[in-house]
Amino acid sequence: AIHYPRGGGFFDWHIHELAPQGIGLILGLSKGGRDFESGGTRFRADGQELDSVKAHDIGDICLFRYDVGHSVGEVDGNYPLEWGGTGRWTMVLPLM
């Protein structure tokens, strides 16, 4: 489980080798609009960037090629940093 706290939690751009995982899996554990307002998983491919914040909700599973550039945008960066459980939670599992 990964916690991105309200007030600035993020994960910078990165890629993984395609082998051996092949596919990344992200399970949304927080409700957009209730638990956080901004800071979705972003993907970068073919010169374009896609933010999944509006499409990836609590209970949704996002599958993606592990070698596609991805990051998590700053979660509710306009608020003071809160470590008490507020913000965005995900469960991540690389698949083989």
Protein backbone atom coordinates (compact mmCIF):
# COMPACT_ATOMS: atom_id res chain seq x y z
CA ALA A 1 0.00 0.00 0.00
CA ILE A 2 1.25 3.49 -0.81
CA HIS A 3 0.08 6.68 0.90
CA TYR A 4 0.37 10.02 -0.91
CA PRO A 5 -0.48 12.51 1.86
CA ARG A 6 -2.65 15.54 1.29
CA GLY A 7 -0.53 18.63 0.95
CA GLY A 8 2.15 17.37 -1.39
CA GLY A 9 2.51 13.60 -1.62
CA PHE A 10 3.81 12.61 -5.06
CA PHE A 11 5.95 10.09 -6.96
CA ASP A 12 8.33 11.44 -9.60
CA TRP A 13 8.45 10.23 -13.23
CA HIS A 14 10.04 6.82 -13.72
CA ILE A 15 9.95 3.68 -15.86
CA HIS A 16 10.65 0.02 -15.17
CA GLU A 17 12.17 -2.68 -17.28
CA LEU A 18 9.38 -4.55 -19.03
CA ALA A 19 10.75 -7.94 -17.93
CA PRO A 20 9.96 -9.75 -15.76
CA GLN A 21 6.82 -7.93 -14.49
CA GLY A 22 5.34 -6.93 -17.83
CA ILE A 23 2.27 -5.27 -16.35
CA GLY A 24 1.78 -2.84 -13.48
CA LEU A 25 -1.43 -2.94 -11.44
CA ILE A 26 -2.72 -0.02 -9.35
CA LEU A 27 -5.82 -0.47 -7.17
CA GLY A 28 -7.48 2.80 -6.10
CA LEU A 29 -8.13 2.81 -2.34
CA SER A 30 -9.31 6.43 -2.03
CA LYS A 31 -12.29 8.32 -3.39
CA GLY A 32 -11.52 11.28 -5.64
CA GLY A 33 -13.43 14.39 -4.55
CA ARG A 34 -13.81 13.04 -1.02
CA ASP A 35 -10.36 11.89 0.11
CA PHE A 36 -8.33 13.99 -2.32
CA GLU A 37 -8.96 16.49 -5.11
CA SER A 38 -5.84 16.33 -7.26
CA GLY A 39 -2.88 14.04 -7.79
CA GLY A 40 -3.65 11.12 -10.06
CA THR A 41 -1.34 8.62 -11.67
CA ARG A 42 0.05 10.12 -14.84
CA PHE A 43 1.33 8.28 -17.90
CA ARG A 44 3.63 9.55 -20.65
CA ALA A 45 3.76 7.88 -24.07
CA ASP A 46 4.14 8.98 -27.69
CA GLY A 47 4.88 12.54 -26.58
CA GLN A 48 1.58 12.85 -24.70
CA GLU A 49 0.74 12.93 -21.02
CA LEU A 50 -2.44 11.49 -19.48
CA ASP A 51 -3.61 12.11 -15.90
CA SER A 52 -5.91 9.36 -14.64
CA VAL A 53 -7.30 11.35 -11.67
CA LYS A 54 -10.81 11.66 -13.16
CA ALA A 55 -10.99 8.09 -14.50
CA HIS A 56 -9.34 6.04 -11.70
CA ASP A 57 -11.61 5.91 -8.64
CA ILE A 58 -11.83 3.89 -5.43
CA GLY A 59 -12.07 0.18 -6.25
CA ASP A 60 -10.85 0.65 -9.83
CA ILE A 61 -7.86 -1.29 -11.11
CA CYS A 62 -5.50 0.36 -13.57
CA LEU A 63 -3.32 -1.97 -15.66
CA PHE A 64 -0.42 -0.57 -17.68
CA ARG A 65 2.73 -1.70 -19.46
CA TYR A 66 5.50 -1.51 -16.89
CA ASP A 67 7.87 0.22 -19.33
CA VAL A 68 5.56 3.23 -19.90
CA GLY A 69 6.69 6.39 -18.08
CA HIS A 70 4.50 7.09 -15.05
CA SER A 71 4.31 9.26 -11.95
CA VAL A 72 1.83 10.50 -9.34
CA GLY A 73 1.06 14.22 -9.42
CA GLU A 74 1.22 16.27 -6.25
CA VAL A 75 -1.80 15.37 -4.10
CA ASP A 76 -3.76 18.46 -3.03
CA GLY A 77 -0.66 20.64 -3.12
CA ASN A 78 -2.67 23.74 -2.18
CA TYR A 79 -3.23 22.37 1.37
CA PRO A 80 -0.79 22.08 4.29
CA LEU A 81 0.97 18.71 4.50
CA GLU A 82 -1.05 16.17 6.54
CA TRP A 83 0.46 12.81 7.50
CA GLY A 84 -2.61 11.57 9.40
CA GLY A 85 -4.03 9.34 6.68
CA THR A 86 -5.68 11.97 4.50
CA GLY A 87 -4.82 12.07 0.82
CA ARG A 88 -4.57 9.30 -1.74
CA TRP A 89 -4.02 5.60 -1.03
CA THR A 90 -3.25 2.92 -3.60
CA MET A 91 -2.25 -0.72 -3.64
CA VAL A 92 0.38 -1.56 -6.25
CA LEU A 93 1.24 -5.01 -7.57
CA PRO A 94 3.59 -5.79 -10.45
CA LEU A 95 2.41 -8.81 -12.42
CA MET A 96 4.53 -11.36 -14.21
